Amino acid sequence: MVRLIMSGSGEGKTKQLIELMENAAETEVGCMVCIEPTRNMSFNLRHQTRLIDASEFNITGYEMLKGFLSGLYAGNYDISHIFIDNLCKVAHCSDEVEVGRFLLWLDKFSAPLNLKFTLTISANPDTATDTMRKYMYTTSGR
């Protein structure tokens, strides 16, 4: 399952992501991981959630991010949910076509593993592509 939270800068995406992580920590079985562009959330997360500062791994593009996520899961099959705050900053790429391809790959990658992904993107939801809209998450769900 892939969920995308998309809104403009400073409109509460990270806060919403933290709330979703809190709820997941109470209800889900398995490990959770949060990937962010730089270490900003360390004091806001429960100890059950592993925080990864993507800047420590020099991820440059969606192909590299795919490999990173594949390796992360291969190293820990107990991961049930991966949260990515500010996807475009983590991947260092905001090209809408590349984002769409990545979301489609993520959906195919996660489905057979029963792995959940929740991502944020800082952009106006009105500019979302059809692929982005397919995964768009609102407070009322998909």
C-alpha atoms as a PDB file:
ATOM      1  CA  MET A   1       0.000   0.000   0.000  1.00  0.00           C
ATOM      2  CA  VAL A   2       1.257   3.446  -0.913  1.00  0.00           C
ATOM      3  CA  ARG A   3      -0.172   6.664   0.527  1.00  0.00           C
ATOM      4  CA  LEU A   4       0.903  10.113  -0.592  1.00  0.00           C
ATOM      5  CA  ILE A   5       0.389  13.253   1.480  1.00  0.00           C
ATOM      6  CA  MET A   6       0.792  16.298  -0.724  1.00  0.00           C
ATOM      7  CA  SER A   7       0.436  19.959   0.186  1.00  0.00           C
ATOM      8  CA  GLY A   8       2.379  23.174   0.070  1.00  0.00           C
ATOM      9  CA  SER A   9       5.379  23.934   2.227  1.00  0.00           C
ATOM     10  CA  GLY A  10       4.486  24.641   5.860  1.00  0.00           C
ATOM     11  CA  GLU A  11       0.965  23.190   5.607  1.00  0.00           C
ATOM     12  CA  GLY A  12       1.373  20.430   8.218  1.00  0.00           C
ATOM     13  CA  LYS A  13       2.494  17.375   6.251  1.00  0.00           C
ATOM     14  CA  THR A  14       5.214  16.410   8.734  1.00  0.00           C
ATOM     15  CA  LYS A  15       2.813  16.828  11.644  1.00  0.00           C
ATOM     16  CA  GLN A  16       0.291  14.601   9.880  1.00  0.00           C
ATOM     17  CA  LEU A  17       3.038  12.067   9.156  1.00  0.00           C
ATOM     18  CA  ILE A  18       4.042  12.003  12.839  1.00  0.00           C
ATOM     19  CA  GLU A  19       0.414  11.431  13.847  1.00  0.00           C
ATOM     20  CA  LEU A  20       0.172   8.537  11.374  1.00  0.00           C
ATOM     21  CA  MET A  21       3.386   7.079  12.820  1.00  0.00           C
ATOM     22  CA  GLU A  22       1.966   7.366  16.339  1.00  0.00           C
ATOM     23  CA  ASN A  23      -1.201   5.545  15.301  1.00  0.00           C
ATOM     24  CA  ALA A  24       0.804   2.887  13.459  1.00  0.00           C
ATOM     25  CA  ALA A  25       3.014   2.334  16.519  1.00  0.00           C
ATOM     26  CA  GLU A  26      -0.104   1.525  18.547  1.00  0.00           C
ATOM     27  CA  THR A  27      -1.838  -0.713  16.017  1.00  0.00           C
ATOM     28  CA  GLU A  28       0.674  -2.344  13.672  1.00  0.00           C
ATOM     29  CA  VAL A  29       2.825  -5.371  14.279  1.00  0.00           C
ATOM     30  CA  GLY A  30       6.355  -5.104  12.965  1.00  0.00           C
ATOM     31  CA  CYS A  31       9.073  -2.508  12.701  1.00  0.00           C
ATOM     32  CA  MET A  32       8.572   0.970  11.350  1.00  0.00           C
ATOM     33  CA  VAL A  33      11.107   3.171   9.620  1.00  0.00           C
ATOM     34  CA  CYS A  34      11.004   6.895   8.925  1.00  0.00           C
ATOM     35  CA  ILE A  35      13.319   8.327   6.284  1.00  0.00           C
ATOM     36  CA  GLU A  36      13.795  12.070   6.212  1.00  0.00           C
ATOM     37  CA  PRO A  37      16.118  14.346   4.217  1.00  0.00           C
ATOM     38  CA  THR A  38      17.918  15.541   7.379  1.00  0.00           C
ATOM     39  CA  ARG A  39      17.502  14.612  11.030  1.00  0.00           C
ATOM     40  CA  ASN A  40      14.684  16.876  12.230  1.00  0.00           C
ATOM     41  CA  MET A  41      12.136  14.567  13.856  1.00  0.00           C
ATOM     42  CA  SER A  42      14.309  12.780  16.399  1.00  0.00           C
ATOM     43  CA  PHE A  43      12.480  14.139  19.437  1.00  0.00           C
ATOM     44  CA  ASN A  44       8.999  13.619  17.996  1.00  0.00           C
ATOM     45  CA  LEU A  45       9.114   9.867  17.392  1.00  0.00           C
ATOM     46  CA  ARG A  46       8.494   6.873  19.585  1.00  0.00           C
ATOM     47  CA  HIS A  47      11.427   4.572  20.144  1.00  0.00           C
ATOM     48  CA  GLN A  48       9.731   1.846  18.044  1.00  0.00           C
ATOM     49  CA  THR A  49      10.302   3.893  14.900  1.00  0.00           C
ATOM     50  CA  ARG A  50      13.781   3.815  13.420  1.00  0.00           C
ATOM     51  CA  LEU A  51      14.762   7.205  12.068  1.00  0.00           C
ATOM     52  CA  ILE A  52      17.035   7.366   9.036  1.00  0.00           C
ATOM     53  CA  ASP A  53      18.720  10.600   7.980  1.00  0.00           C
ATOM     54  CA  ALA A  54      18.940  10.202   4.194  1.00  0.00           C
ATOM     55  CA  SER A  55      21.690  12.824   3.962  1.00  0.00           C
ATOM     56  CA  GLU A  56      24.042  10.304   5.581  1.00  0.00           C
ATOM     57  CA  PHE A  57      23.635   7.979   2.564  1.00  0.00           C
ATOM     58  CA  ASN A  58      24.015  10.461  -0.320  1.00  0.00           C
ATOM     59  CA  ILE A  59      20.894   9.239  -2.158  1.00  0.00           C
ATOM     60  CA  THR A  60      20.873  10.869  -5.582  1.00  0.00           C
ATOM     61  CA  GLY A  61      17.817   9.896  -7.573  1.00  0.00           C
ATOM     62  CA  TYR A  62      14.965   7.441  -7.527  1.00  0.00           C
ATOM     63  CA  GLU A  63      16.998   4.499  -8.828  1.00  0.00           C
ATOM     64  CA  MET A  64      19.327   4.823  -5.865  1.00  0.00           C
ATOM     65  CA  LEU A  65      16.357   5.218  -3.507  1.00  0.00           C
ATOM     66  CA  LYS A  66      14.841   2.004  -4.916  1.00  0.00           C
ATOM     67  CA  GLY A  67      18.068   0.160  -4.129  1.00  0.00           C
ATOM     68  CA  PHE A  68      18.231   1.716  -0.679  1.00  0.00           C
ATOM     69  CA  LEU A  69      14.654   0.640   0.145  1.00  0.00           C
ATOM     70  CA  SER A  70      15.197  -2.847  -1.269  1.00  0.00           C
ATOM     71  CA  GLY A  71      18.335  -3.272   0.834  1.00  0.00           C
ATOM     72  CA  LEU A  72      16.629  -1.873   3.903  1.00  0.00           C
ATOM     73  CA  TYR A  73      13.842  -4.428   3.616  1.00  0.00           C
ATOM     74  CA  ALA A  74      16.215  -7.278   2.713  1.00  0.00           C
ATOM     75  CA  GLY A  75      18.116  -6.550   5.918  1.00  0.00           C
ATOM     76  CA  ASN A  76      14.965  -6.598   8.062  1.00  0.00           C
ATOM     77  CA  TYR A  77      11.918  -8.569   6.922  1.00  0.00           C
ATOM     78  CA  ASP A  78      10.078  -7.403  10.054  1.00  0.00           C
ATOM     79  CA  ILE A  79       9.549  -3.911   8.609  1.00  0.00           C
ATOM     80  CA  SER A  80       5.824  -3.351   8.168  1.00  0.00           C
ATOM     81  CA  HIS A  81       5.694   0.364   7.376  1.00  0.00           C
ATOM     82  CA  ILE A  82       8.129   2.862   5.881  1.00  0.00           C
ATOM     83  CA  PHE A  83       7.434   6.578   6.110  1.00  0.00           C
ATOM     84  CA  ILE A  84       9.312   8.996   3.857  1.00  0.00           C
ATOM     85  CA  ASP A  85       9.132  12.671   4.748  1.00  0.00           C
ATOM     86  CA  ASN A  86       9.650  14.977   1.778  1.00  0.00           C
ATOM     87  CA  LEU A  87      10.246  12.387  -0.925  1.00  0.00           C
ATOM     88  CA  CYS A  88      11.646  14.833  -3.479  1.00  0.00           C
ATOM     89  CA  LYS A  89      14.292  16.095  -1.058  1.00  0.00           C
ATOM     90  CA  VAL A  90      15.271  12.557  -0.049  1.00  0.00           C
ATOM     91  CA  ALA A  91      15.707  11.572  -3.715  1.00  0.00           C
ATOM     92  CA  HIS A  92      17.063  14.982  -4.783  1.00  0.00           C
ATOM     93  CA  CYS A  93      14.597  15.006  -7.694  1.00  0.00           C
ATOM     94  CA  SER A  94      11.230  16.720  -8.107  1.00  0.00           C
ATOM     95  CA  ASP A  95      10.567  15.714 -11.719  1.00  0.00           C
ATOM     96  CA  GLU A  96       6.880  14.707 -11.802  1.00  0.00           C
ATOM     97  CA  VAL A  97       7.442  11.925 -14.331  1.00  0.00           C
ATOM     98  CA  GLU A  98      10.182  10.400 -12.160  1.00  0.00           C
ATOM     99  CA  VAL A  99       8.011  10.738  -9.041  1.00  0.00           C
ATOM    100  CA  GLY A 100       5.189   8.934 -10.853  1.00  0.00           C
ATOM    101  CA  ARG A 101       7.458   6.103 -11.986  1.00  0.00           C
ATOM    102  CA  PHE A 102       8.775   5.748  -8.451  1.00  0.00           C
ATOM    103  CA  LEU A 103       5.262   5.591  -6.971  1.00  0.00           C
ATOM    104  CA  LEU A 104       4.270   2.870  -9.445  1.00  0.00           C
ATOM    105  CA  TRP A 105       7.432   0.900  -8.626  1.00  0.00           C
ATOM    106  CA  LEU A 106       6.797   1.344  -4.902  1.00  0.00           C
ATOM    107  CA  ASP A 107       3.286  -0.044  -5.287  1.00  0.00           C
ATOM    108  CA  LYS A 108       4.573  -3.127  -7.152  1.00  0.00           C
ATOM    109  CA  PHE A 109       7.434  -3.588  -4.680  1.00  0.00           C
ATOM    110  CA  SER A 110       5.255  -3.303  -1.573  1.00  0.00           C
ATOM    111  CA  ALA A 111       2.186  -5.330  -2.591  1.00  0.00           C
ATOM    112  CA  PRO A 112       3.572  -8.896  -2.370  1.00  0.00           C
ATOM    113  CA  LEU A 113       5.454  -8.027   0.837  1.00  0.00           C
ATOM    114  CA  ASN A 114       2.413  -6.536   2.595  1.00  0.00           C
ATOM    115  CA  LEU A 115       4.614  -3.509   3.216  1.00  0.00           C
ATOM    116  CA  LYS A 116       3.083  -0.071   3.711  1.00  0.00           C
ATOM    117  CA  PHE A 117       4.570   3.211   2.527  1.00  0.00           C
ATOM    118  CA  THR A 118       3.440   6.687   3.506  1.00  0.00           C
ATOM    119  CA  LEU A 119       5.206   9.594   1.782  1.00  0.00           C
ATOM    120  CA  THR A 120       5.000  13.362   1.769  1.00  0.00           C
ATOM    121  CA  ILE A 121       5.658  15.750  -1.094  1.00  0.00           C
ATOM    122  CA  SER A 122       5.765  19.537  -0.797  1.00  0.00           C
ATOM    123  CA  ALA A 123       3.724  20.746  -3.745  1.00  0.00           C
ATOM    124  CA  ASN A 124       0.286  22.076  -4.533  1.00  0.00           C
ATOM    125  CA  PRO A 125      -2.106  19.089  -4.799  1.00  0.00           C
ATOM    126  CA  ASP A 126      -3.824  20.824  -7.732  1.00  0.00           C
ATOM    127  CA  THR A 127      -0.647  20.221  -9.753  1.00  0.00           C
ATOM    128  CA  ALA A 128      -0.566  16.478  -8.982  1.00  0.00           C
ATOM    129  CA  THR A 129      -0.315  14.114 -11.926  1.00  0.00           C
ATOM    130  CA  ASP A 130      -2.858  11.325 -12.398  1.00  0.00           C
ATOM    131  CA  THR A 131      -0.367   8.858 -10.951  1.00  0.00           C
ATOM    132  CA  MET A 132       0.132  11.023  -7.862  1.00  0.00           C
ATOM    133  CA  ARG A 133      -3.648  11.387  -7.437  1.00  0.00           C
ATOM    134  CA  LYS A 134      -3.976   7.590  -7.499  1.00  0.00           C
ATOM    135  CA  TYR A 135      -2.031   7.427  -4.218  1.00  0.00           C
ATOM    136  CA  MET A 136      -3.209  10.706  -2.659  1.00  0.00           C
ATOM    137  CA  TYR A 137      -4.169  10.410   0.994  1.00  0.00           C
ATOM    138  CA  THR A 138      -6.558  12.701   2.804  1.00  0.00           C
ATOM    139  CA  THR A 139      -7.628  12.668   6.433  1.00  0.00           C
ATOM    140  CA  SER A 140     -10.723  10.728   5.367  1.00  0.00           C
ATOM    141  CA  GLY A 141      -8.472   8.098   3.745  1.00  0.00           C
ATOM    142  CA  ARG A 142      -7.998   7.330   0.048  1.00  0.00           C
END
